[in-house]
Amino acid sequence: MAQANTVTTLNTEQFVQDILSTIDREREREIIARRFGLFDRKETLEQIGELLGITRERVRQLEKAVIARLKAQTEQGQIPHVIEVEARLISYLQNNGGAARIATLSAEFTGENSRTDQSRVAFLSALCPQLILVEDTDHFNQAAVVRADYDEKAVKETIHAIIAAVKKAGEPQTAEDVADALSSSSAAIDALASISKDLATLNGLWGLVKWPTVNPKNIRDKIYVILKNNGKHMHFSEIAEAIKDSDFKRKDVTTQAIHNELIKDKRFVLIGRGIYALREWGYQKGTVADIISEVLREAGEPLHRDEIVKRVLKSRFVKETTILLNLQGKNQFKRVAKATYELGDAE
């Protein structure tokens, strides 16, 4: 992987200025600058058409023609900087699966990685003969792809195949798992999956963007991810610390906020003093006495206190003395033999 601190920043602003200066007609320069957002926000075909007094279709035609001309001139060595930029981008892409989001490339090669920086990297990528620019849509992030590795159709088909593989698995998958299923490389899976807006990744796992395990959207989802990854019960203060140490985008939470959310969400079950587990692990809500009743009800026969303790501890993280006190001090339990109990009449 390329190391950010060893990468020389590309002067994309100067590059863009120099390239635009090769376009003779001011109207065409205006269209390209506004459509790509090279100096300000991106504008629609309609907005540019109204400004220039032409139809949106004419704007589209001129944009397409100018880009095609610039690409042809680049191949003839007539456009400054593009070949240099192309070599830098291809080197990075080939070391990272052959594809990357424009935002990722901008972070790698520009100083601030602002929206304008990203727009300039997209423009430069669009002019590179050996690259394909995947446009931003409802399902795809804007990205650059090495033409020798993929065409745009293959990119989208492979991404759809990745989504299908993840759906089939029914749970988040590593890039290696998906690569095995698709006879691909993990680097290519990581690269192409990052282009999809229908996929998300967390802790090295890819899943559907709607899955909280890879795309937690609120505190409750983050709690769920922490518990799921830990694989066993945790105290709410431990959960709070784990969130602060996580890779979540927003992780500045208070211990009290964590406790409040644990209480409200049915996915979490209190199994001890401040200790919570996931309901999907088989834990049930209720007091220790409730759990003892459930154990005896499921057994359908009297049980020795040691067996009762053993079974209750599978559902509650409490002291044995707490279980025994409930067993001996509640009318709902009746001793029928030495240290042996069944449900009482009150139950």
Protein backbone atom coordinates (compact mmCIF):
# COMPACT_ATOMS: atom_id res chain seq x y z
CA MET A 1 0.00 0.00 0.00
CA ALA A 2 1.20 3.51 -0.75
CA GLN A 3 2.22 5.53 2.28
CA ALA A 4 0.62 8.99 2.44
CA ASN A 5 3.64 10.61 4.07
CA THR A 6 5.91 9.64 1.14
CA VAL A 7 3.58 10.88 -1.62
CA THR A 8 4.39 14.15 -3.38
CA THR A 9 1.27 16.31 -3.59
CA LEU A 10 -0.03 17.05 -7.07
CA ASN A 11 -0.60 20.74 -7.79
CA THR A 12 -4.04 20.03 -9.21
CA GLU A 13 -5.11 23.69 -9.26
CA GLN A 14 -2.19 24.67 -11.47
CA PHE A 15 -2.63 21.56 -13.61
CA VAL A 16 -6.29 22.37 -14.20
CA GLN A 17 -5.54 26.00 -15.04
CA ASP A 18 -2.89 24.97 -17.56
CA ILE A 19 -5.20 22.42 -19.21
CA LEU A 20 -8.13 24.84 -19.44
CA SER A 21 -5.84 27.38 -21.09
CA THR A 22 -5.48 24.99 -24.04
CA ILE A 23 -9.23 25.31 -24.75
CA ASP A 24 -9.63 28.23 -27.16
CA ARG A 25 -13.30 29.02 -26.70
CA GLU A 26 -14.33 30.66 -23.45
CA ARG A 27 -17.76 29.05 -23.53
CA GLU A 28 -16.22 25.59 -23.64
CA ARG A 29 -13.86 26.43 -20.77
CA GLU A 30 -16.85 27.65 -18.78
CA ILE A 31 -18.80 24.47 -19.42
CA ILE A 32 -15.94 22.19 -18.35
CA ALA A 33 -15.11 24.23 -15.24
CA ARG A 34 -18.72 24.35 -14.10
CA ARG A 35 -19.67 20.76 -14.97
CA PHE A 36 -16.69 19.31 -13.06
CA GLY A 37 -16.79 21.91 -10.25
CA LEU A 38 -13.15 22.85 -10.81
CA PHE A 39 -13.36 26.16 -8.93
CA ASP A 40 -16.76 26.10 -7.27
CA ARG A 41 -19.65 23.69 -6.84
CA LYS A 42 -20.66 21.43 -9.71
CA GLU A 43 -23.52 22.71 -11.83
CA THR A 44 -26.20 20.86 -13.78
CA LEU A 45 -26.68 20.93 -17.52
CA GLU A 46 -29.79 23.07 -16.97
CA GLN A 47 -27.97 25.62 -14.80
CA ILE A 48 -25.14 26.02 -17.28
CA GLY A 49 -27.54 26.17 -20.21
CA GLU A 50 -29.50 29.00 -18.58
CA LEU A 51 -26.28 30.89 -17.86
CA LEU A 52 -24.97 30.54 -21.41
CA GLY A 53 -28.32 30.81 -23.20
CA ILE A 54 -28.21 27.34 -24.77
CA THR A 55 -30.15 24.10 -24.24
CA ARG A 56 -29.10 21.44 -21.72
CA GLU A 57 -28.59 19.04 -24.62
CA ARG A 58 -26.20 21.44 -26.29
CA VAL A 59 -24.26 21.76 -23.03
CA ARG A 60 -24.03 17.95 -22.85
CA GLN A 61 -22.82 17.73 -26.46
CA LEU A 62 -20.17 20.40 -25.96
CA GLU A 63 -18.93 18.81 -22.72
CA LYS A 64 -18.61 15.41 -24.37
CA ALA A 65 -16.85 16.87 -27.42
CA VAL A 66 -14.34 18.88 -25.38
CA ILE A 67 -13.40 15.92 -23.16
CA ALA A 68 -12.99 13.68 -26.21
CA ARG A 69 -10.78 16.30 -27.87
CA LEU A 70 -8.64 16.78 -24.76
CA LYS A 71 -8.16 13.02 -24.41
CA ALA A 72 -7.10 12.75 -28.06
CA GLN A 73 -4.67 15.65 -27.64
CA THR A 74 -3.32 14.03 -24.48
CA GLU A 75 -2.47 10.88 -26.42
CA GLN A 76 -0.57 13.07 -28.87
CA GLY A 77 1.35 14.74 -26.03
CA GLN A 78 -0.30 18.11 -26.56
CA ILE A 79 -1.97 18.54 -23.13
CA PRO A 80 0.24 19.40 -20.14
CA HIS A 81 0.49 17.35 -16.94
CA VAL A 82 -2.00 14.57 -17.80
CA ILE A 83 0.57 11.90 -18.65
CA GLU A 84 2.42 12.66 -15.40
CA VAL A 85 -0.81 12.45 -13.41
CA GLU A 86 -1.82 9.26 -15.20
CA ALA A 87 1.46 7.54 -14.33
CA ARG A 88 1.06 8.48 -10.65
CA LEU A 89 -2.56 7.34 -10.49
CA ILE A 90 -1.96 4.07 -12.31
CA SER A 91 0.96 3.22 -10.03
CA TYR A 92 -1.26 3.71 -7.00
CA LEU A 93 -4.23 1.88 -8.50
CA GLN A 94 -2.22 -1.13 -9.59
CA ASN A 95 -0.97 -1.51 -6.03
CA ASN A 96 -4.52 -1.26 -4.70
CA GLY A 97 -6.70 -3.61 -6.73
CA GLY A 98 -6.94 -1.60 -9.96
CA ALA A 99 -9.66 0.79 -8.82
CA ALA A 100 -10.30 3.47 -6.21
CA ARG A 101 -12.82 6.11 -5.30
CA ILE A 102 -11.93 9.60 -6.44
CA ALA A 103 -12.17 10.69 -2.80
CA THR A 104 -9.47 8.13 -1.93
CA LEU A 105 -7.18 9.31 -4.74
CA SER A 106 -7.71 12.91 -3.72
CA ALA A 107 -6.80 12.09 -0.12
CA GLU A 108 -3.65 10.41 -1.40
CA PHE A 109 -2.48 13.07 -3.85
CA THR A 110 -3.87 16.46 -2.75
CA GLY A 111 -3.23 18.58 0.29
CA GLU A 112 -6.67 19.22 1.76
CA ASN A 113 -8.87 16.68 -0.06
CA SER A 114 -11.64 19.27 -0.32
CA ARG A 115 -14.61 18.80 -2.60
CA THR A 116 -12.87 20.99 -5.16
CA ASP A 117 -9.72 18.85 -4.88
CA GLN A 118 -11.82 15.77 -5.59
CA SER A 119 -13.46 17.45 -8.58
CA ARG A 120 -10.06 18.29 -10.03
CA VAL A 121 -8.79 14.74 -9.56
CA ALA A 122 -11.94 13.48 -11.31
CA PHE A 123 -11.35 15.87 -14.21
CA LEU A 124 -7.72 14.82 -14.57
CA SER A 125 -8.73 11.15 -14.40
CA ALA A 126 -11.31 11.71 -17.14
CA LEU A 127 -8.52 12.88 -19.45
CA CYS A 128 -6.20 9.93 -18.78
CA PRO A 129 -6.37 7.55 -21.78
CA GLN A 130 -5.51 4.51 -19.64
CA LEU A 131 -8.16 5.21 -17.00
CA ILE A 132 -11.95 4.92 -16.89
CA LEU A 133 -13.91 7.41 -14.81
CA VAL A 134 -16.93 5.78 -13.15
CA GLU A 135 -19.50 8.50 -12.58
CA ASP A 136 -21.28 9.11 -9.28
CA THR A 137 -24.82 7.63 -9.27
CA ASP A 138 -27.34 6.34 -6.75
CA HIS A 139 -25.43 3.05 -6.56
CA PHE A 140 -21.82 3.94 -7.36
CA ASN A 141 -19.26 6.36 -5.96
CA GLN A 142 -17.21 8.31 -8.47
CA ALA A 143 -14.08 6.27 -9.09
CA ALA A 144 -11.09 5.75 -11.37
CA VAL A 145 -10.33 2.32 -12.81
CA VAL A 146 -7.34 1.03 -14.77
CA ARG A 147 -8.62 0.42 -18.30
CA ALA A 148 -6.29 -2.54 -18.83
CA ASP A 149 -7.93 -4.34 -15.88
CA TYR A 150 -11.62 -3.51 -16.38
CA ASP A 151 -14.12 -1.79 -18.59
CA GLU A 152 -17.02 0.06 -16.97
CA LYS A 153 -19.44 -2.81 -17.63
CA ALA A 154 -17.10 -5.32 -15.98
CA VAL A 155 -16.67 -3.02 -12.97
CA LYS A 156 -20.41 -2.83 -12.36
CA GLU A 157 -21.00 -6.52 -13.04
CA THR A 158 -18.28 -7.48 -10.56
CA ILE A 159 -19.69 -5.14 -7.93
CA HIS A 160 -23.13 -6.70 -8.41
CA ALA A 161 -21.50 -10.13 -7.98
CA ILE A 162 -19.84 -8.97 -4.73
CA ILE A 163 -23.19 -7.75 -3.41
CA ALA A 164 -24.82 -11.05 -4.37
CA ALA A 165 -22.06 -13.02 -2.60
CA VAL A 166 -22.48 -10.98 0.57
CA LYS A 167 -26.27 -11.35 0.47
CA LYS A 168 -25.94 -15.09 0.00
CA ALA A 169 -23.63 -15.35 3.02
CA GLY A 170 -26.15 -13.42 5.09
CA GLU A 171 -23.47 -11.81 7.24
CA PRO A 172 -20.41 -9.57 6.76
CA GLN A 173 -17.56 -11.18 4.84
CA THR A 174 -13.84 -10.57 4.53
CA ALA A 175 -12.48 -9.63 1.12
CA GLU A 176 -10.71 -13.00 1.11
CA ASP A 177 -14.01 -14.85 1.59
CA VAL A 178 -15.64 -12.96 -1.29
CA ALA A 179 -12.54 -13.35 -3.46
CA ASP A 180 -12.68 -17.12 -2.98
CA ALA A 181 -16.34 -17.18 -3.98
CA LEU A 182 -15.71 -15.10 -7.10
CA SER A 183 -12.26 -16.48 -8.04
CA SER A 184 -10.76 -13.01 -7.70
CA SER A 185 -8.13 -11.34 -5.52
CA SER A 186 -8.87 -9.77 -2.15
CA ALA A 187 -7.25 -6.51 -3.30
CA ALA A 188 -9.63 -6.32 -6.26
CA ILE A 189 -12.63 -7.09 -4.03
CA ASP A 190 -11.65 -4.34 -1.57
CA ALA A 191 -11.13 -1.88 -4.42
CA LEU A 192 -14.34 -2.59 -6.30
CA ALA A 193 -16.51 -2.96 -3.19
CA SER A 194 -15.42 0.52 -2.10
CA ILE A 195 -17.02 1.94 -5.27
CA SER A 196 -20.45 0.57 -4.36
CA LYS A 197 -22.87 2.69 -2.34
CA ASP A 198 -24.76 -0.49 -1.47
CA LEU A 199 -21.82 -1.92 0.51
CA ALA A 200 -20.05 -0.77 3.66
CA THR A 201 -17.02 -2.02 5.54
CA LEU A 202 -15.97 -2.07 9.16
CA ASN A 203 -13.13 -3.92 10.89
CA GLY A 204 -12.10 -5.61 7.65
CA LEU A 205 -15.58 -6.98 6.89
CA TRP A 206 -17.86 -6.10 3.96
CA GLY A 207 -21.62 -6.11 4.25
CA LEU A 208 -24.75 -4.42 2.95
CA VAL A 209 -24.91 -0.74 3.81
CA LYS A 210 -28.18 -1.37 5.68
CA TRP A 211 -26.49 -3.82 8.06
CA PRO A 212 -25.60 -2.13 11.39
CA THR A 213 -22.67 -4.53 11.83
CA VAL A 214 -20.76 -2.71 9.08
CA ASN A 215 -22.59 0.62 8.96
CA PRO A 216 -23.75 1.58 12.47
CA LYS A 217 -25.84 4.73 12.21
CA ASN A 218 -26.53 5.46 15.88
CA ILE A 219 -25.31 4.65 19.39
CA ARG A 220 -27.46 1.54 19.65
CA ASP A 221 -26.02 0.11 16.44
CA LYS A 222 -22.50 0.80 17.69
CA ILE A 223 -23.26 -0.98 20.96
CA TYR A 224 -24.53 -3.94 18.94
CA VAL A 225 -21.33 -4.06 16.86
CA ILE A 226 -19.13 -3.90 19.97
CA LEU A 227 -20.99 -6.72 21.70
CA LYS A 228 -21.18 -8.80 18.52
CA ASN A 229 -17.45 -8.48 17.90
CA ASN A 230 -16.61 -9.16 21.55
CA GLY A 231 -18.66 -12.33 21.48
CA LYS A 232 -19.66 -12.19 25.13
CA HIS A 233 -21.32 -9.99 27.74
CA MET A 234 -19.80 -6.63 28.74
CA HIS A 235 -20.33 -3.99 31.41
CA PHE A 236 -21.79 -0.77 30.01
CA SER A 237 -18.64 1.15 30.98
CA GLU A 238 -16.54 -1.35 28.99
CA ILE A 239 -18.83 -0.85 26.00
CA ALA A 240 -18.36 2.92 26.24
CA GLU A 241 -14.57 2.57 26.28
CA ALA A 242 -14.66 0.12 23.37
CA ILE A 243 -16.64 2.60 21.29
CA LYS A 244 -14.12 5.36 22.04
CA ASP A 245 -11.30 3.05 20.91
CA SER A 246 -13.14 1.87 17.79
CA ASP A 247 -12.94 2.82 14.10
CA PHE A 248 -16.41 4.37 14.14
CA LYS A 249 -16.67 7.78 12.50
CA ARG A 250 -18.41 9.29 15.52
CA LYS A 251 -17.36 7.81 18.84
CA ASP A 252 -17.53 10.65 21.37
CA VAL A 253 -20.16 9.15 23.68
CA THR A 254 -20.75 9.28 27.42
CA THR A 255 -21.06 6.23 29.64
CA GLN A 256 -24.50 7.42 30.73
CA ALA A 257 -25.67 7.68 27.11
CA ILE A 258 -24.53 4.11 26.51
CA HIS A 259 -26.42 2.89 29.58
CA ASN A 260 -29.57 4.70 28.51
CA GLU A 261 -29.50 3.15 25.04
CA LEU A 262 -28.86 -0.33 26.42
CA ILE A 263 -32.00 -0.06 28.53
CA LYS A 264 -34.18 1.08 25.60
CA ASP A 265 -33.16 -1.43 22.91
CA LYS A 266 -34.69 -4.93 22.88
CA ARG A 267 -31.54 -6.35 21.27
CA PHE A 268 -29.75 -6.04 24.62
CA VAL A 269 -30.48 -7.97 27.83
CA LEU A 270 -29.33 -7.06 31.32
CA ILE A 271 -27.77 -10.23 32.73
CA GLY A 272 -25.96 -8.84 35.76
CA ARG A 273 -25.20 -5.62 37.61
CA GLY A 274 -24.57 -3.24 34.69
CA ILE A 275 -23.67 -6.20 32.46
CA TYR A 276 -25.37 -6.69 29.10
CA ALA A 277 -25.51 -9.37 26.42
CA LEU A 278 -27.26 -9.79 23.08
CA ARG A 279 -30.73 -11.30 23.07
CA GLU A 280 -29.77 -13.27 19.94
CA TRP A 281 -27.31 -15.26 22.09
CA GLY A 282 -30.29 -16.84 23.85
CA TYR A 283 -30.57 -14.47 26.82
CA GLN A 284 -34.02 -13.46 28.05
CA LYS A 285 -35.26 -10.45 29.91
CA GLY A 286 -36.34 -10.86 33.53
CA THR A 287 -35.22 -11.08 37.13
CA VAL A 288 -33.15 -13.92 38.55
CA ALA A 289 -36.36 -15.38 39.98
CA ASP A 290 -37.92 -15.24 36.49
CA ILE A 291 -34.97 -17.18 35.07
CA ILE A 292 -35.19 -19.81 37.85
CA SER A 293 -38.89 -20.24 37.06
CA GLU A 294 -38.12 -20.66 33.37
CA VAL A 295 -35.40 -23.24 34.15
CA LEU A 296 -37.79 -25.31 36.30
CA ARG A 297 -40.63 -24.94 33.80
CA GLU A 298 -38.44 -26.18 30.95
CA ALA A 299 -37.14 -29.08 33.08
CA GLY A 300 -40.66 -30.26 33.90
CA GLU A 301 -39.35 -31.91 37.06
CA PRO A 302 -37.66 -30.99 40.37
CA LEU A 303 -33.99 -30.04 40.08
CA HIS A 304 -31.13 -30.02 42.55
CA ARG A 305 -30.03 -26.53 43.51
CA ASP A 306 -26.59 -27.08 41.92
CA GLU A 307 -28.22 -27.90 38.61
CA ILE A 308 -30.49 -24.87 38.93
CA VAL A 309 -27.48 -22.65 39.58
CA LYS A 310 -25.64 -24.13 36.62
CA ARG A 311 -28.55 -23.47 34.24
CA VAL A 312 -29.30 -19.98 35.53
CA LEU A 313 -25.66 -18.95 35.09
CA LYS A 314 -26.05 -19.67 31.38
CA SER A 315 -28.51 -16.79 31.25
CA ARG A 316 -27.36 -14.47 34.01
CA PHE A 317 -23.97 -13.18 35.10
CA VAL A 318 -24.68 -13.09 38.84
CA LYS A 319 -23.24 -14.56 42.01
CA GLU A 320 -24.33 -18.05 43.00
CA THR A 321 -25.48 -16.69 46.36
CA THR A 322 -27.93 -14.39 44.54
CA ILE A 323 -29.48 -17.40 42.82
CA LEU A 324 -29.68 -19.39 46.08
CA LEU A 325 -31.24 -16.49 47.96
CA ASN A 326 -33.95 -16.19 45.30
CA LEU A 327 -34.50 -19.95 45.31
CA GLN A 328 -34.86 -20.16 49.08
CA GLY A 329 -36.65 -16.88 49.72
CA LYS A 330 -39.41 -16.89 47.09
CA ASN A 331 -42.79 -18.54 47.55
CA GLN A 332 -42.86 -19.47 43.87
CA PHE A 333 -40.27 -22.20 44.54
CA LYS A 334 -40.92 -25.24 46.76
CA ARG A 335 -38.34 -27.57 48.24
CA VAL A 336 -39.41 -31.15 47.67
CA ALA A 337 -36.29 -32.95 48.86
CA LYS A 338 -32.88 -32.13 50.25
CA ALA A 339 -31.58 -29.17 48.17
CA THR A 340 -34.10 -30.04 45.45
CA TYR A 341 -36.75 -27.62 44.20
CA GLU A 342 -39.77 -27.38 41.92
CA LEU A 343 -42.18 -24.60 41.04
CA GLY A 344 -44.48 -23.80 43.95
CA ASP A 345 -48.23 -23.34 43.98
CA ALA A 346 -47.86 -19.57 43.66
CA GLU A 347 -46.29 -20.12 40.24
